[in-house]
């Protein structure tokens, strides 16, 4: 239709048919035919083709009124039933043509979105998001973030996280509530796997994520879930993740992950304190001052949050958590207990015994302390067994100690036992961290033996922990 309009404009401007054919790029006969047509009044090609009856005649077009009447009588009538009725009425159209007509004529339900204004301290919204970030050097990274927003004040918080596990969810959620200054009455979430494990067809949750359930019960936090990608169910209707992506990630360039975090902190401060919110007309910080007194106090802080996992003490007098081993007393072998995982430490309770460790985040790491190590050694009988138990305690400190001891063994294949006894005694006296530092210093200096490790330990104590002193044996 636009091409017809172009030809008519050229003709009205006084151009000859041949010149119009050349300028518009159409055949001369087409120009002559368009010249006899009425002036173009719209640009809808589909409607024009239908009016001109262009194309092969439709075998189902004559049954349009019959299909419309069927749908008026029963809007939910299945397409296959309509097809069967038309075939019995003599319609020769194919199934696909009938289905297309039914799709065109069937009334489409209109979904009403409900917008409402929350009360101070009533609602908060939380969700995970993903975005692919390209840094200035061309490298790409998929960034996962956890976003939260208070409904009344529109105060946002966004934290870059490593994953969407249950532990990440509860720690990020509690951290955001703590930053808000308290918890609202109800928190709204998408139906993430860490939150809801199973549910009925009507949406009722039948199995909650254990760590999420424990946290909301401890906090007394009300929870509402909605189906993913269904913002109309949230009431707030604000696409929190989409807003973070569009307003921050897609508007900026980042040098590296550190620069991304710095810019994110600056952007959150800007949108909270300096930029008026479109919905309220004032910066979120203004309404947060009204909302904060209505937030309920938290009875647990982020550093106090411990996730509980059942454990069993294995035959090596240790428990395994996230592939890492933590030693306990040998008398607890075979007993069940609980490991309390904090953000940076773990507490192991078995029976009436309790032991604390710095949490390990690697793979297949080993953590031990003086008491379990001494107890385990006391349980071993025989000089040879005690020697190899001590050597294994040293090996459990990691590959650097293993490599250092291997160098001693290569130099003293028949007299390494005294080194093993003395190194183990030094380990028990000074602790893991200081011992490993002294071993590293000895290894770097190229000197191998328990006497050199003892020298570096004394030097470190004398110099306040310095490892940079060279040894000249």
Protein backbone atom coordinates (compact mmCIF):
# COMPACT_ATOMS: atom_id res chain seq x y z
CA UNK A 1 0.00 0.00 0.00
CA UNK A 2 2.89 2.37 0.71
CA UNK A 3 4.32 1.62 -2.74
CA UNK A 4 0.90 2.36 -4.30
CA UNK A 5 0.81 5.61 -2.37
CA UNK A 6 4.28 6.50 -3.70
CA UNK A 7 3.16 5.88 -7.31
CA UNK A 8 0.03 8.01 -6.83
CA UNK A 9 2.06 10.88 -5.34
CA UNK A 10 4.47 10.83 -8.30
CA UNK A 11 1.60 10.79 -10.78
CA UNK A 12 -0.10 13.71 -9.06
CA UNK A 13 3.20 15.60 -9.20
CA UNK A 14 3.02 15.47 -13.00
CA UNK A 15 5.52 12.72 -13.79
CA UNK A 16 4.78 10.54 -16.79
CA UNK A 17 4.00 6.85 -16.39
CA UNK A 18 7.39 5.76 -17.76
CA UNK A 19 9.27 8.09 -15.41
CA UNK A 20 7.16 6.97 -12.44
CA UNK A 21 7.94 3.35 -13.36
CA UNK A 22 11.67 4.16 -13.26
CA UNK A 23 11.54 6.22 -10.04
CA UNK A 24 9.33 3.83 -8.10
CA UNK A 25 10.94 0.67 -9.45
CA UNK A 26 7.71 -0.96 -10.62
CA UNK A 27 6.44 -2.24 -13.94
CA UNK A 28 4.81 0.23 -16.36
CA UNK A 29 1.55 -1.73 -16.46
CA UNK A 30 1.47 -1.67 -12.65
CA UNK A 31 1.76 2.15 -12.77
CA UNK A 32 -1.11 2.34 -15.25
CA UNK A 33 -3.27 0.05 -13.09
CA UNK A 34 -2.58 2.07 -9.93
CA UNK A 35 -3.49 5.25 -11.78
CA UNK A 36 -7.03 3.89 -12.22
CA UNK A 37 -7.42 2.98 -8.54
CA UNK A 38 -8.87 5.12 -5.74
CA UNK A 39 -6.45 7.09 -3.61
CA UNK A 40 -4.70 5.06 -0.90
CA UNK A 41 -6.28 5.77 2.52
CA UNK A 42 -4.40 3.29 4.75
CA UNK A 43 -1.22 1.21 4.85
CA UNK A 44 -2.63 -2.10 6.11
CA UNK A 45 -1.47 -4.65 3.53
CA UNK A 46 -3.38 -7.54 5.12
CA UNK A 47 -6.68 -5.69 5.01
CA UNK A 48 -6.07 -4.57 1.44
CA UNK A 49 -5.35 -8.13 0.31
CA UNK A 50 -8.51 -9.35 2.02
CA UNK A 51 -10.59 -6.58 0.36
CA UNK A 52 -9.14 -7.34 -3.06
CA UNK A 53 -9.51 -11.08 -2.44
CA UNK A 54 -5.91 -11.65 -3.44
CA UNK A 55 -4.64 -15.21 -3.17
CA UNK A 56 -6.22 -18.64 -3.23
CA UNK A 57 -9.81 -18.70 -1.88
CA UNK A 58 -10.00 -19.91 1.73
CA UNK A 59 -11.97 -23.10 2.30
CA UNK A 60 -12.76 -22.06 5.87
CA UNK A 61 -13.72 -18.41 5.28
CA UNK A 62 -17.34 -19.31 4.58
CA UNK A 63 -17.61 -20.89 8.02
CA UNK A 64 -16.43 -17.84 9.97
CA UNK A 65 -19.91 -16.99 11.26
CA UNK A 66 -20.53 -20.59 12.34
CA UNK A 67 -17.25 -20.70 14.30
CA UNK A 68 -18.00 -17.33 15.91
CA UNK A 69 -21.41 -18.59 17.02
CA UNK A 70 -19.89 -21.76 18.52
CA UNK A 71 -17.44 -19.69 20.55
CA UNK A 72 -20.16 -17.32 21.72
CA UNK A 73 -22.10 -20.28 23.06
CA UNK A 74 -19.02 -21.88 24.70
CA UNK A 75 -15.84 -19.79 24.78
CA UNK A 76 -13.85 -22.76 26.08
CA UNK A 77 -14.89 -25.13 23.28
CA UNK A 78 -11.84 -27.04 22.14
CA UNK A 79 -10.49 -26.47 18.63
CA UNK A 80 -10.65 -30.19 17.80
CA UNK A 81 -14.39 -30.24 18.59
CA UNK A 82 -14.99 -27.23 16.32
CA UNK A 83 -13.01 -28.95 13.57
CA UNK A 84 -15.15 -32.11 13.88
CA UNK A 85 -18.38 -30.10 13.70
CA UNK A 86 -17.22 -28.25 10.58
CA UNK A 87 -16.20 -31.50 8.86
CA UNK A 88 -19.65 -32.93 9.51
CA UNK A 89 -21.12 -29.73 8.04
CA UNK A 90 -19.18 -30.30 4.81
CA UNK A 91 -16.16 -28.07 5.42
CA UNK A 92 -13.14 -29.28 3.40
CA UNK A 93 -10.57 -27.05 5.10
CA UNK A 94 -7.52 -28.61 6.69
CA UNK A 95 -7.13 -28.84 10.44
CA UNK A 96 -4.45 -26.12 10.55
CA UNK A 97 -6.70 -23.63 8.74
CA UNK A 98 -9.58 -24.28 11.13
CA UNK A 99 -7.32 -23.98 14.16
CA UNK A 100 -5.97 -20.67 12.84
CA UNK A 101 -9.52 -19.33 12.42
CA UNK A 102 -10.47 -20.47 15.92
CA UNK A 103 -7.37 -18.77 17.32
CA UNK A 104 -8.35 -15.56 15.55
CA UNK A 105 -11.99 -15.57 16.68
CA UNK A 106 -11.70 -16.93 20.22
CA UNK A 107 -12.04 -14.07 22.74
CA UNK A 108 -8.72 -13.41 24.43
CA UNK A 109 -8.86 -12.98 28.23
CA UNK A 110 -7.62 -9.65 29.51
CA UNK A 111 -5.44 -9.99 32.60
CA UNK A 112 -5.94 -7.17 35.06
CA UNK A 113 -2.85 -5.89 36.81
CA UNK A 114 -3.49 -4.71 40.34
CA UNK A 115 -1.47 -1.71 41.49
CA UNK A 116 -1.63 -0.75 45.14
CA UNK A 117 0.30 1.39 47.57
CA UNK A 118 1.86 -0.40 50.54
CA UNK A 119 1.82 0.83 54.09
CA UNK A 120 5.05 1.69 55.92
CA UNK A 121 6.73 -1.52 57.03
CA UNK A 122 4.20 -3.74 55.26
CA UNK A 123 5.93 -5.28 52.21
CA UNK A 124 9.35 -5.95 50.76
CA UNK A 125 10.26 -7.61 47.46
CA UNK A 126 13.26 -9.90 46.85
CA UNK A 127 14.63 -11.70 43.81
CA UNK A 128 17.75 -13.11 42.17
CA UNK A 129 18.95 -11.82 38.79
CA UNK A 130 21.60 -12.63 36.19
CA UNK A 131 23.32 -10.40 33.66
CA UNK A 132 26.27 -10.88 31.30
CA UNK A 133 28.82 -8.09 31.83
CA UNK A 134 31.56 -7.25 29.33
CA UNK A 135 34.54 -5.54 30.94
CA UNK A 136 36.71 -2.99 29.17
CA UNK A 137 39.35 -5.57 28.31
CA UNK A 138 36.73 -7.62 26.44
CA UNK A 139 36.30 -10.40 28.99
CA UNK A 140 32.75 -11.45 29.82
CA UNK A 141 31.28 -12.63 33.10
CA UNK A 142 27.82 -13.75 34.15
CA UNK A 143 27.07 -11.74 37.27
CA UNK A 144 24.50 -13.03 39.76
CA UNK A 145 22.91 -10.52 42.12
CA UNK A 146 20.29 -10.50 44.87
CA UNK A 147 17.99 -7.48 44.88
CA UNK A 148 15.57 -6.21 47.53
CA UNK A 149 13.22 -3.26 47.75
CA UNK A 150 10.89 -1.91 50.43
CA UNK A 151 7.45 -1.35 48.90
CA UNK A 152 6.46 1.85 50.70
CA UNK A 153 9.71 3.83 50.50
CA UNK A 154 11.08 2.10 47.35
CA UNK A 155 14.46 1.77 49.09
CA UNK A 156 16.59 -0.65 47.01
CA UNK A 157 19.51 -2.88 47.90
CA UNK A 158 21.56 -5.00 45.51
CA UNK A 159 24.33 -7.45 46.44
CA UNK A 160 26.60 -9.35 44.05
CA UNK A 161 26.52 -13.03 45.04
CA UNK A 162 28.28 -16.19 43.89
CA UNK A 163 25.24 -18.38 43.30
CA UNK A 164 21.59 -19.01 44.19
CA UNK A 165 22.06 -21.67 46.83
CA UNK A 166 19.98 -21.80 49.99
CA UNK A 167 22.83 -20.41 52.09
CA UNK A 168 23.40 -17.51 49.71
CA UNK A 169 19.67 -16.73 49.77
CA UNK A 170 19.27 -16.61 53.55
CA UNK A 171 22.52 -14.72 54.15
CA UNK A 172 21.74 -12.11 51.47
CA UNK A 173 18.15 -11.75 52.71
CA UNK A 174 19.18 -11.27 56.34
CA UNK A 175 21.94 -8.86 55.29
CA UNK A 176 19.46 -6.69 53.38
CA UNK A 177 16.91 -6.68 56.20
CA UNK A 178 19.67 -5.69 58.61
CA UNK A 179 20.71 -2.87 56.26
CA UNK A 180 17.08 -1.68 56.01
CA UNK A 181 17.01 -1.42 59.78
CA UNK A 182 14.46 -4.18 60.43
CA UNK A 183 11.99 -6.51 58.78
CA UNK A 184 8.61 -5.75 57.19
CA UNK A 185 5.46 -7.74 57.93
CA UNK A 186 5.59 -9.66 54.62
CA UNK A 187 8.35 -10.45 52.12
CA UNK A 188 7.43 -11.33 48.52
CA UNK A 189 9.55 -13.83 46.57
CA UNK A 190 9.55 -15.67 43.28
CA UNK A 191 9.16 -19.43 43.62
CA UNK A 192 12.91 -20.19 43.69
CA UNK A 193 14.07 -23.76 44.32
CA UNK A 194 15.85 -22.72 47.53
CA UNK A 195 12.53 -21.39 48.88
CA UNK A 196 9.87 -23.87 47.75
CA UNK A 197 10.69 -27.50 47.00
CA UNK A 198 7.20 -28.83 46.25
CA UNK A 199 3.73 -27.35 45.84
CA UNK A 200 0.21 -28.26 44.76
CA UNK A 201 -1.43 -27.22 41.49
CA UNK A 202 -3.17 -24.35 43.27
CA UNK A 203 0.22 -22.98 44.36
CA UNK A 204 0.09 -24.10 48.00
CA UNK A 205 3.62 -24.99 49.11
CA UNK A 206 3.88 -28.51 50.56
CA UNK A 207 7.66 -28.54 51.18
CA UNK A 208 9.75 -25.48 51.98
CA UNK A 209 13.50 -25.15 51.70
CA UNK A 210 14.82 -26.11 55.14
CA UNK A 211 17.25 -23.21 55.66
CA UNK A 212 14.78 -20.64 54.30
CA UNK A 213 12.04 -22.05 56.52
CA UNK A 214 14.27 -21.92 59.60
CA UNK A 215 15.23 -18.30 58.96
CA UNK A 216 11.70 -16.94 58.41
CA UNK A 217 10.47 -18.78 61.50
CA UNK A 218 13.33 -17.38 63.58
CA UNK A 219 12.60 -13.88 62.23
CA UNK A 220 8.82 -14.16 62.38
CA UNK A 221 8.73 -12.96 58.76
CA UNK A 222 5.58 -13.45 56.68
CA UNK A 223 6.16 -14.86 53.19
CA UNK A 224 4.22 -14.57 49.94
CA UNK A 225 5.26 -16.47 46.83
CA UNK A 226 4.35 -15.83 43.23
CA UNK A 227 5.09 -17.70 40.04
CA UNK A 228 8.27 -16.62 38.24
CA UNK A 229 7.75 -14.06 35.46
CA UNK A 230 4.28 -13.22 36.84
CA UNK A 231 4.66 -9.73 38.32
CA UNK A 232 0.89 -9.19 38.39
CA UNK A 233 0.77 -11.66 41.27
CA UNK A 234 3.13 -9.56 43.40
CA UNK A 235 0.79 -6.63 43.76
CA UNK A 236 3.74 -4.25 43.54
CA UNK A 237 4.05 -5.10 39.83
CA UNK A 238 7.53 -3.58 39.84
CA UNK A 239 9.99 -5.67 37.87
CA UNK A 240 12.79 -5.40 40.40
CA UNK A 241 15.40 -7.40 38.49
CA UNK A 242 14.53 -5.69 35.20
CA UNK A 243 14.86 -2.29 36.86
CA UNK A 244 18.33 -3.13 38.22
CA UNK A 245 19.47 -4.40 34.82
CA UNK A 246 18.07 -1.47 32.85
CA UNK A 247 19.00 1.33 35.25
CA UNK A 248 22.44 0.13 36.29
CA UNK A 249 24.06 -2.72 34.34
CA UNK A 250 23.02 -1.59 30.84
CA UNK A 251 23.87 2.05 31.46
CA UNK A 252 27.46 1.64 32.57
CA UNK A 253 30.84 0.18 31.59
CA UNK A 254 33.08 -1.56 34.11
CA UNK A 255 36.83 -1.91 34.29
CA UNK A 256 36.79 -5.10 36.36
CA UNK A 257 34.70 -6.80 39.10
CA UNK A 258 36.08 -4.43 41.74
CA UNK A 259 35.04 -1.41 39.67
CA UNK A 260 31.59 -2.97 39.20
CA UNK A 261 31.09 -3.21 42.96
CA UNK A 262 32.32 0.35 43.50
CA UNK A 263 29.94 1.72 40.88
CA UNK A 264 27.07 -0.36 42.29
CA UNK A 265 27.58 1.15 45.74
CA UNK A 266 27.67 4.68 44.29
CA UNK A 267 24.56 4.03 42.18
CA UNK A 268 22.59 2.68 45.17
CA UNK A 269 23.49 5.79 47.16
CA UNK A 270 22.40 8.00 44.26
CA UNK A 271 19.01 6.33 43.67
CA UNK A 272 18.31 6.20 47.40
CA UNK A 273 19.32 9.70 48.48
CA UNK A 274 19.57 11.95 45.41
CA UNK A 275 17.18 10.76 42.70
CA UNK A 276 13.40 11.21 43.15
CA UNK A 277 11.42 8.00 42.67
CA UNK A 278 8.95 8.13 39.76
CA UNK A 279 6.21 6.52 41.82
CA UNK A 280 6.47 8.77 44.88
CA UNK A 281 8.16 11.93 43.56
CA UNK A 282 10.74 11.97 46.37
CA UNK A 283 14.00 10.09 46.99
CA UNK A 284 13.48 6.77 48.78
CA UNK A 285 15.54 7.98 51.74
CA UNK A 286 12.82 10.55 52.56
CA UNK A 287 10.10 7.91 52.88
CA UNK A 288 12.51 5.44 54.51
CA UNK A 289 12.69 7.84 57.47
CA UNK A 290 8.93 7.36 57.81
CA UNK A 291 9.07 3.61 57.22
CA UNK A 292 12.00 2.63 59.45
CA UNK A 293 10.13 3.16 62.76
CA UNK A 294 7.48 0.73 61.47
CA UNK A 295 9.98 -2.01 60.64
CA UNK A 296 10.13 -4.80 63.22
CA UNK A 297 13.42 -5.50 65.02
CA UNK A 298 15.58 -8.46 64.01
CA UNK A 299 16.34 -11.00 66.71
CA UNK A 300 19.39 -12.23 64.83
CA UNK A 301 22.22 -10.40 63.05
CA UNK A 302 24.04 -11.60 59.90
CA UNK A 303 27.18 -12.60 61.84
CA UNK A 304 25.03 -14.70 64.21
CA UNK A 305 23.30 -16.67 61.46
CA UNK A 306 24.33 -20.34 61.54
CA UNK A 307 22.99 -22.99 59.19
CA UNK A 308 22.60 -26.39 60.81
CA UNK A 309 23.65 -29.63 59.11
CA UNK A 310 23.63 -33.18 60.54
CA UNK A 311 27.04 -34.91 60.56
CA UNK A 312 28.52 -38.24 61.65
CA UNK A 313 32.04 -38.60 63.04
CA UNK A 314 33.96 -40.88 60.69
CA UNK A 315 36.56 -43.53 61.53
CA UNK A 316 39.36 -40.95 61.19
CA UNK A 317 37.82 -38.89 64.03
CA UNK A 318 36.66 -36.13 61.69
CA UNK A 319 33.44 -34.80 60.17
CA UNK A 320 33.12 -33.88 56.50
CA UNK A 321 31.33 -30.69 55.47
CA UNK A 322 31.41 -29.37 51.89
CA UNK A 323 34.21 -31.92 51.12
CA UNK A 324 36.42 -30.45 53.90
CA UNK A 325 37.42 -32.44 57.01
CA UNK A 326 37.29 -31.06 60.56
CA UNK A 327 38.92 -33.13 63.31
CA UNK A 328 37.17 -33.98 66.57
CA UNK A 329 38.08 -36.15 69.54
CA UNK A 330 38.65 -39.84 68.71
CA UNK A 331 36.24 -40.92 71.44
CA UNK A 332 33.39 -39.50 69.31
CA UNK A 333 33.93 -41.84 66.33
CA UNK A 334 30.62 -43.20 65.06
CA UNK A 335 28.44 -40.64 66.86
CA UNK A 336 26.07 -38.24 65.14
CA UNK A 337 26.08 -34.52 65.74
CA UNK A 338 25.44 -31.10 64.22
CA UNK A 339 27.69 -28.64 62.44
CA UNK A 340 26.68 -25.00 62.72
CA UNK A 341 28.00 -23.15 59.67
CA UNK A 342 28.52 -19.42 60.17
CA UNK A 343 29.73 -17.09 57.44
CA UNK A 344 33.39 -17.46 58.45
CA UNK A 345 33.54 -20.24 61.06
CA UNK A 346 31.97 -23.55 62.04
CA UNK A 347 30.90 -24.98 65.40
CA UNK A 348 30.74 -28.76 65.70
CA UNK A 349 28.59 -30.30 68.43
CA UNK A 350 28.74 -34.04 69.06
CA UNK A 351 27.23 -35.29 72.30
CA UNK A 352 28.44 -32.95 75.02
CA UNK A 353 31.56 -31.96 73.07
CA UNK A 354 31.98 -28.74 71.09
CA UNK A 355 34.82 -27.51 68.88
CA UNK A 356 35.21 -24.37 66.75
CA UNK A 357 37.15 -23.98 63.49
CA UNK A 358 37.74 -21.30 60.91
CA UNK A 359 35.51 -22.31 58.02
CA UNK A 360 37.25 -23.81 54.99
CA UNK A 361 35.96 -22.83 51.54
CA UNK A 362 38.29 -24.86 49.33
CA UNK A 363 37.97 -28.46 48.23
CA UNK A 364 39.13 -31.39 50.34
CA UNK A 365 40.89 -29.19 52.89
CA UNK A 366 41.67 -30.44 56.39
CA UNK A 367 41.30 -28.57 59.67
CA UNK A 368 42.68 -29.76 62.97
CA UNK A 369 43.50 -28.34 66.38
CA UNK A 370 45.70 -29.17 69.34
CA UNK A 371 43.17 -31.11 71.42
CA UNK A 372 41.79 -33.50 68.72
CA UNK A 373 45.32 -34.07 67.44
CA UNK A 374 46.65 -34.91 70.92
CA UNK A 375 43.65 -37.10 71.71
CA UNK A 376 44.01 -39.00 68.46
CA UNK A 377 47.71 -39.55 69.11
CA UNK A 378 46.99 -40.82 72.62
CA UNK A 379 44.64 -43.44 71.18
CA UNK A 380 47.47 -44.90 69.04
CA UNK A 381 49.56 -47.69 70.54
CA UNK A 382 53.10 -48.63 69.46
CA UNK A 383 56.07 -46.47 68.59
CA UNK A 384 55.82 -47.06 64.84
CA UNK A 385 52.08 -46.28 64.79
CA UNK A 386 52.64 -43.08 66.78
CA UNK A 387 55.39 -42.00 64.36
CA UNK A 388 53.19 -42.41 61.30
CA UNK A 389 50.24 -40.80 63.10
CA UNK A 390 52.43 -37.74 63.73
CA UNK A 391 53.60 -37.72 60.12
CA UNK A 392 49.98 -37.91 58.91
CA UNK A 393 49.07 -34.97 61.15
CA UNK A 394 51.78 -32.98 59.37
CA UNK A 395 50.58 -34.12 55.93
CA UNK A 396 47.03 -33.04 56.77
CA UNK A 397 48.23 -29.42 56.89
CA UNK A 398 48.40 -29.34 53.10
CA UNK A 399 50.60 -29.94 50.05
CA UNK A 400 53.24 -27.37 51.08
CA UNK A 401 54.04 -29.31 54.26
CA UNK A 402 53.96 -32.62 52.35
CA UNK A 403 56.43 -31.23 49.81
CA UNK A 404 58.72 -29.93 52.57
CA UNK A 405 58.69 -33.24 54.42
CA UNK A 406 59.34 -35.10 51.16
CA UNK A 407 62.49 -32.97 50.73
CA UNK A 408 63.59 -33.99 54.25
CA UNK A 409 62.89 -37.64 53.44
CA UNK A 410 64.97 -37.47 50.25
CA UNK A 411 67.93 -36.06 52.21
CA UNK A 412 67.54 -38.32 55.26
CA UNK A 413 65.82 -41.51 54.06
CA UNK A 414 66.98 -43.51 57.13
CA UNK A 415 66.88 -40.80 59.78
CA UNK A 416 63.73 -38.73 59.17
CA UNK A 417 61.91 -39.96 62.29
CA UNK A 418 63.50 -37.39 64.69
CA UNK A 419 62.44 -34.62 62.30
CA UNK A 420 58.88 -35.96 62.30
CA UNK A 421 58.78 -36.07 66.13
CA UNK A 422 60.20 -32.57 66.50
CA UNK A 423 58.07 -31.05 63.73
CA UNK A 424 54.95 -32.50 65.35
CA UNK A 425 55.96 -31.06 68.72
CA UNK A 426 56.50 -27.64 67.12
CA UNK A 427 53.08 -27.91 65.49
CA UNK A 428 51.44 -28.64 68.83
CA UNK A 429 53.24 -25.73 70.48
CA UNK A 430 52.70 -22.97 67.91
CA UNK A 431 49.51 -23.92 66.03
CA UNK A 432 48.74 -24.56 62.38
CA UNK A 433 49.09 -21.09 60.87
CA UNK A 434 52.45 -20.22 62.45
CA UNK A 435 53.84 -23.69 61.71
CA UNK A 436 52.86 -23.57 58.03
CA UNK A 437 54.35 -20.06 57.71
CA UNK A 438 57.63 -21.28 59.15
CA UNK A 439 57.66 -24.26 56.78
CA UNK A 440 57.05 -21.92 53.82
CA UNK A 441 59.89 -19.66 54.90
CA UNK A 442 62.27 -22.64 55.30
CA UNK A 443 61.25 -24.02 51.92
CA UNK A 444 61.82 -20.66 50.20
CA UNK A 445 65.26 -20.42 51.82
CA UNK A 446 66.13 -23.91 50.59
CA UNK A 447 66.87 -25.35 54.04
CA UNK A 448 65.21 -28.56 55.15
CA UNK A 449 64.93 -29.92 58.66
CA UNK A 450 63.04 -29.48 61.91
CA UNK A 451 65.84 -27.26 63.27
CA UNK A 452 65.25 -24.70 60.50
CA UNK A 453 61.50 -24.63 61.06
CA UNK A 454 62.19 -24.08 64.78
CA UNK A 455 64.59 -21.25 63.87
CA UNK A 456 61.96 -19.51 61.72
CA UNK A 457 59.34 -19.90 64.45
CA UNK A 458 61.63 -18.24 66.99
CA UNK A 459 62.55 -15.52 64.51
CA UNK A 460 58.88 -14.87 63.72
CA UNK A 461 58.08 -14.55 67.42
CA UNK A 462 61.07 -12.23 67.98
CA UNK A 463 60.19 -10.03 64.97
CA UNK A 464 56.45 -10.00 65.57
CA UNK A 465 55.58 -12.51 62.87
CA UNK A 466 58.05 -11.52 60.13
CA UNK A 467 58.84 -14.27 57.62
CA UNK A 468 61.46 -12.43 55.66
CA UNK A 469 64.59 -13.39 57.64
CA UNK A 470 67.09 -15.49 55.69
CA UNK A 471 68.81 -18.49 57.26
CA UNK A 472 72.46 -19.30 56.63
CA UNK A 473 73.09 -22.78 58.05
